[in-house]
Amino acid sequence: MTRRVPVLTAALLGVAVALGGCTTTGAASAGDDPSAGRVEGRLVVLAAASLTDVVTALAERAEAEHPGLRVETAFGSSATLAAQVVAGAPADVLLTASDDTMVTVTGALGGDPVVVATNHLQLAVPAGNPGGVESLTDLADPDLTVALCAPQVPCGAVAADVLARAGVVAAPDTLERDVRAVLTRLVLDEADAGLVYRTDVLAADGAVEGVDVPQAADVPTAHPALVVPGAPHPAAAAAFVTLLTGPEGRRAFAAAGFGPP
């Protein structure tokens, strides 16, 4: 069973001491194909909150395929995770919710990310739509409680773009640290409406309802994955990214509602 590690920088930096070495044997040794052979040890995967369900499932799949592997996962704001990686947090794989966020890491550390899936925003409301929300223009209604992502995180930046294209000046009552925090507000009926990814609406399993927004199709979100340069366990990290981009990974992302790369 995969374990989640804290998203706080200090905690992640401390993981380096606690984690045992991640080793490979056979064909996965240095200089060979990292996706082959036996992969063992512990692997730290940091991923955007919007990827929580699918990355957790694929981490469990990786452990099933490699009995000696234990995958540690942490989820949160892409901006926060990227900053932690640049600061030296002992991460092996990073997945973000935007190319721009990933560039902050590759610009500092290098590396070659690969897009594993795409996504887009939906207007979301609690089940039954108690606020009577019908379109993006309702997000400007001061009588409604509106939840959006903070502008400095990918879902917030995309939301700002979508709203600008629609000519809507939203009146948010709360600006959340990541998209799953917005979703939680809606699930708990603490907000009348918000903008979340389509996949988050599906993950809520009926607790929220999604409405397609025409402008959102013009602002797709890419989800890149990176084997972090200088990763403590590069061969295992490469094997995990290979899983993400291979047939099983593609099926898992598609089942969760993500679009193809």
Protein backbone atom coordinates (compact mmCIF):
# COMPACT_ATOMS: atom_id res chain seq x y z
CA MET A 1 0.00 0.00 0.00
CA THR A 2 1.42 3.39 -0.95
CA ARG A 3 2.08 5.91 1.78
CA ARG A 4 1.60 9.65 1.58
CA VAL A 5 4.28 11.95 2.89
CA PRO A 6 3.63 15.52 4.09
CA VAL A 7 3.61 18.35 1.58
CA LEU A 8 5.47 20.72 3.87
CA THR A 9 8.98 21.58 2.75
CA ALA A 10 10.58 20.89 6.11
CA ALA A 11 8.94 17.50 6.33
CA LEU A 12 9.97 16.54 2.83
CA LEU A 13 13.54 17.59 3.45
CA GLY A 14 13.52 15.35 6.47
CA VAL A 15 12.34 12.38 4.43
CA ALA A 16 15.82 12.04 2.96
CA VAL A 17 17.14 10.82 6.27
CA ALA A 18 14.29 8.39 6.84
CA LEU A 19 14.18 6.82 3.39
CA GLY A 20 16.26 3.81 2.66
CA GLY A 21 18.19 3.51 -0.59
CA CYS A 22 16.26 2.67 -3.72
CA THR A 23 18.22 0.12 -5.67
CA THR A 24 17.89 -1.69 -8.93
CA THR A 25 19.29 -4.99 -10.01
CA GLY A 26 19.71 -6.70 -13.31
CA ALA A 27 19.06 -4.63 -16.43
CA ALA A 28 18.02 -1.58 -14.40
CA SER A 29 21.53 -0.86 -13.17
CA ALA A 30 23.35 2.31 -14.18
CA GLY A 31 23.77 2.66 -17.90
CA ASP A 32 21.02 0.15 -18.76
CA ASP A 33 17.34 0.55 -19.56
CA PRO A 34 15.85 1.87 -16.28
CA SER A 35 12.42 0.44 -17.07
CA ALA A 36 13.76 -3.11 -17.18
CA GLY A 37 15.01 -5.42 -14.44
CA ARG A 38 14.04 -5.29 -10.79
CA VAL A 39 13.23 -2.00 -9.07
CA GLU A 40 13.41 -1.90 -5.28
CA GLY A 41 13.37 0.50 -2.36
CA ARG A 42 11.36 3.67 -1.80
CA LEU A 43 10.36 6.25 -4.35
CA VAL A 44 9.09 9.77 -3.59
CA VAL A 45 6.49 11.07 -6.04
CA LEU A 46 5.17 14.63 -5.71
CA ALA A 47 2.05 15.44 -7.75
CA ALA A 48 -0.50 18.19 -8.25
CA ALA A 49 -3.65 17.76 -6.16
CA SER A 50 -5.74 17.23 -9.28
CA LEU A 51 -3.77 14.04 -9.96
CA THR A 52 -4.34 12.50 -6.53
CA ASP A 53 -6.57 9.60 -7.50
CA VAL A 54 -4.86 8.47 -10.68
CA VAL A 55 -1.32 8.82 -9.32
CA THR A 56 -2.28 6.91 -6.17
CA ALA A 57 -3.72 4.11 -8.31
CA LEU A 58 -0.65 3.99 -10.54
CA ALA A 59 1.67 4.04 -7.53
CA GLU A 60 -0.15 0.98 -6.21
CA ARG A 61 0.20 -0.61 -9.65
CA ALA A 62 3.94 0.08 -9.63
CA GLU A 63 4.25 -1.60 -6.26
CA ALA A 64 2.31 -4.61 -7.53
CA GLU A 65 4.64 -4.90 -10.52
CA HIS A 66 7.75 -4.43 -8.37
CA PRO A 67 7.22 -6.16 -4.99
CA GLY A 68 10.39 -4.61 -3.59
CA LEU A 69 9.25 -1.05 -4.36
CA ARG A 70 7.48 1.29 -1.94
CA VAL A 71 6.11 4.50 -3.41
CA GLU A 72 5.76 7.56 -1.16
CA THR A 73 3.26 10.11 -2.56
CA ALA A 74 2.52 13.72 -1.64
CA PHE A 75 -0.08 15.95 -3.27
CA GLY A 76 -0.65 19.70 -3.22
CA SER A 77 -0.31 22.91 -5.13
CA SER A 78 1.99 22.56 -8.15
CA ALA A 79 3.64 25.86 -7.26
CA THR A 80 4.40 24.68 -3.73
CA LEU A 81 5.73 21.32 -4.87
CA ALA A 82 7.90 22.91 -7.56
CA ALA A 83 9.39 25.29 -5.01
CA GLN A 84 10.15 22.38 -2.70
CA VAL A 85 11.93 20.47 -5.45
CA VAL A 86 14.02 23.51 -6.43
CA ALA A 87 14.87 23.98 -2.73
CA GLY A 88 16.25 20.45 -2.58
CA ALA A 89 13.39 18.30 -1.30
CA PRO A 90 14.33 14.64 -1.95
CA ALA A 91 11.82 13.97 -4.72
CA ASP A 92 12.29 11.42 -7.49
CA VAL A 93 9.30 12.26 -9.71
CA LEU A 94 7.35 15.50 -10.00
CA LEU A 95 4.00 15.91 -11.77
CA THR A 96 2.49 19.37 -12.11
CA ALA A 97 -0.74 20.87 -13.39
CA SER A 98 0.91 23.23 -15.86
CA ASP A 99 3.89 23.52 -18.16
CA ASP A 100 4.67 26.95 -16.68
CA THR A 101 5.07 25.51 -13.20
CA MET A 102 7.30 22.75 -14.49
CA VAL A 103 9.50 25.33 -16.24
CA THR A 104 10.38 26.81 -12.85
CA VAL A 105 11.95 23.44 -11.99
CA THR A 106 13.62 22.65 -15.30
CA GLY A 107 14.93 26.21 -15.51
CA ALA A 108 16.67 25.72 -12.18
CA LEU A 109 17.62 22.05 -12.35
CA GLY A 110 17.31 20.96 -15.98
CA GLY A 111 15.57 17.78 -17.02
CA ASP A 112 13.21 16.68 -19.76
CA PRO A 113 9.55 16.51 -18.68
CA VAL A 114 6.98 14.56 -20.66
CA VAL A 115 3.28 15.42 -20.80
CA VAL A 116 1.26 12.46 -19.52
CA ALA A 117 -2.29 13.86 -19.78
CA THR A 118 -4.42 16.93 -20.41
CA ASN A 119 -7.41 18.42 -18.64
CA HIS A 120 -9.80 21.38 -18.64
CA LEU A 121 -11.87 23.34 -16.16
CA GLN A 122 -15.59 23.00 -15.52
CA LEU A 123 -18.01 25.18 -13.63
CA ALA A 124 -18.93 23.06 -10.60
CA VAL A 125 -21.77 23.27 -8.07
CA PRO A 126 -22.90 21.11 -5.13
CA ALA A 127 -25.27 18.28 -5.98
CA GLY A 128 -28.72 19.67 -6.72
CA ASN A 129 -27.30 23.11 -7.54
CA PRO A 130 -28.84 24.88 -4.50
CA GLY A 131 -27.55 28.24 -5.67
CA GLY A 132 -29.24 27.99 -9.05
CA VAL A 133 -25.95 28.58 -10.89
CA GLU A 134 -26.27 28.39 -14.67
CA SER A 135 -23.18 29.98 -16.22
CA LEU A 136 -19.87 31.71 -15.60
CA THR A 137 -21.65 35.04 -15.24
CA ASP A 138 -23.10 33.80 -11.96
CA LEU A 139 -19.59 33.85 -10.47
CA ALA A 140 -19.90 37.64 -10.39
CA ASP A 141 -23.04 37.50 -8.22
CA PRO A 142 -22.17 38.84 -4.74
CA ASP A 143 -25.11 36.92 -3.27
CA LEU A 144 -23.47 33.60 -4.15
CA THR A 145 -20.54 32.01 -2.34
CA VAL A 146 -17.82 31.41 -4.91
CA ALA A 147 -14.65 29.35 -4.44
CA LEU A 148 -11.69 29.64 -6.80
CA CYS A 149 -8.05 28.61 -6.72
CA ALA A 150 -5.55 31.29 -5.73
CA PRO A 151 -4.15 33.05 -8.81
CA GLN A 152 -0.57 31.90 -8.20
CA VAL A 153 -1.42 28.19 -8.60
CA PRO A 154 -2.18 26.58 -11.97
CA CYS A 155 -5.92 26.09 -11.49
CA GLY A 156 -6.20 29.74 -10.46
CA ALA A 157 -4.20 30.97 -13.43
CA VAL A 158 -6.32 28.92 -15.82
CA ALA A 159 -9.51 30.10 -14.13
CA ALA A 160 -8.42 33.73 -14.55
CA ASP A 161 -7.79 33.11 -18.25
CA VAL A 162 -11.16 31.41 -18.74
CA LEU A 163 -13.00 34.20 -16.91
CA ALA A 164 -11.19 36.88 -18.90
CA ARG A 165 -12.14 35.18 -22.18
CA ALA A 166 -15.77 35.14 -21.02
CA GLY A 167 -15.64 38.77 -19.92
CA VAL A 168 -16.59 37.85 -16.36
CA VAL A 169 -15.20 39.56 -13.27
CA ALA A 170 -15.72 36.97 -10.56
CA ALA A 171 -16.37 37.81 -6.93
CA PRO A 172 -14.68 34.93 -5.07
CA ASP A 173 -15.35 34.53 -1.38
CA THR A 174 -12.40 32.20 -0.93
CA LEU A 175 -9.16 31.59 -2.83
CA GLU A 176 -7.88 28.08 -2.18
CA ARG A 177 -4.36 26.63 -2.22
CA ASP A 178 -5.21 23.93 -4.77
CA VAL A 179 -8.11 22.57 -6.81
CA ARG A 180 -8.99 19.80 -4.36
CA ALA A 181 -9.54 22.45 -1.68
CA VAL A 182 -12.07 24.14 -3.99
CA LEU A 183 -13.72 20.77 -4.59
CA THR A 184 -13.95 20.16 -0.85
CA ARG A 185 -15.79 23.46 -0.39
CA LEU A 186 -18.35 22.34 -2.95
CA VAL A 187 -18.71 18.81 -1.58
CA LEU A 188 -19.32 20.22 1.92
CA ASP A 189 -21.84 22.73 0.49
CA GLU A 190 -19.68 25.60 1.74
CA ALA A 191 -19.75 27.26 -1.69
CA ASP A 192 -22.42 27.68 -4.34
CA ALA A 193 -20.02 27.43 -7.27
CA GLY A 194 -16.40 27.11 -8.24
CA LEU A 195 -14.07 26.24 -11.07
CA VAL A 196 -12.37 22.84 -10.86
CA TYR A 197 -11.00 20.38 -13.39
CA ARG A 198 -13.39 18.04 -15.14
CA THR A 199 -11.58 15.12 -13.52
CA ASP A 200 -12.29 16.53 -10.05
CA VAL A 201 -16.02 16.60 -10.80
CA LEU A 202 -15.82 12.94 -11.83
CA ALA A 203 -13.78 12.06 -8.74
CA ALA A 204 -16.47 13.58 -6.52
CA ASP A 205 -18.76 10.72 -7.62
CA GLY A 206 -22.01 12.67 -7.71
CA ALA A 207 -21.34 14.99 -4.78
CA VAL A 208 -20.91 17.88 -7.22
CA GLU A 209 -22.25 18.63 -10.69
CA GLY A 210 -20.18 19.98 -13.56
CA VAL A 211 -21.16 22.34 -16.35
CA ASP A 212 -19.01 22.61 -19.47
CA VAL A 213 -17.74 26.11 -20.18
CA PRO A 214 -17.02 26.91 -23.85
CA GLN A 215 -14.05 29.12 -23.00
CA ALA A 216 -12.41 26.34 -21.00
CA ALA A 217 -11.85 24.30 -24.15
CA ASP A 218 -9.57 27.09 -25.36
CA VAL A 219 -7.43 26.88 -22.21
CA PRO A 220 -6.40 23.22 -21.85
CA THR A 221 -4.17 22.14 -19.00
CA ALA A 222 -1.13 19.92 -19.59
CA HIS A 223 0.17 17.60 -16.88
CA PRO A 224 3.92 17.05 -17.33
CA ALA A 225 5.97 14.49 -15.39
CA LEU A 226 9.67 14.83 -14.64
CA VAL A 227 12.35 12.51 -13.38
CA VAL A 228 13.93 15.09 -11.09
CA PRO A 229 17.57 15.74 -12.04
CA GLY A 230 19.77 14.41 -9.26
CA ALA A 231 16.88 12.29 -7.95
CA PRO A 232 17.94 9.92 -5.17
CA HIS A 233 16.54 6.95 -7.12
CA PRO A 234 16.71 7.78 -10.85
CA ALA A 235 16.20 4.29 -12.26
CA ALA A 236 13.05 3.66 -10.22
CA ALA A 237 11.86 7.17 -11.10
CA ALA A 238 12.32 6.48 -14.80
CA ALA A 239 10.44 3.19 -14.44
CA PHE A 240 7.53 5.02 -12.82
CA VAL A 241 7.38 7.65 -15.57
CA THR A 242 7.45 4.82 -18.12
CA LEU A 243 4.39 3.38 -16.37
CA LEU A 244 2.66 6.79 -16.56
CA THR A 245 3.27 7.11 -20.29
CA GLY A 246 2.70 3.46 -21.21
CA PRO A 247 -0.56 1.66 -22.03
CA GLU A 248 -1.56 1.10 -18.39
CA GLY A 249 -0.94 4.73 -17.54
CA ARG A 250 -2.89 5.96 -20.54
CA ARG A 251 -5.83 3.74 -19.60
CA ALA A 252 -5.76 4.96 -16.01
CA PHE A 253 -5.70 8.62 -17.02
CA ALA A 254 -8.49 8.09 -19.55
CA ALA A 255 -10.64 6.25 -16.98
CA ALA A 256 -10.22 9.20 -14.61
CA GLY A 257 -11.44 11.60 -17.30
CA PHE A 258 -8.14 13.05 -18.46
CA GLY A 259 -7.49 13.78 -22.10
CA PRO A 260 -4.53 12.37 -24.07
CA PRO A 261 -1.16 14.17 -24.03
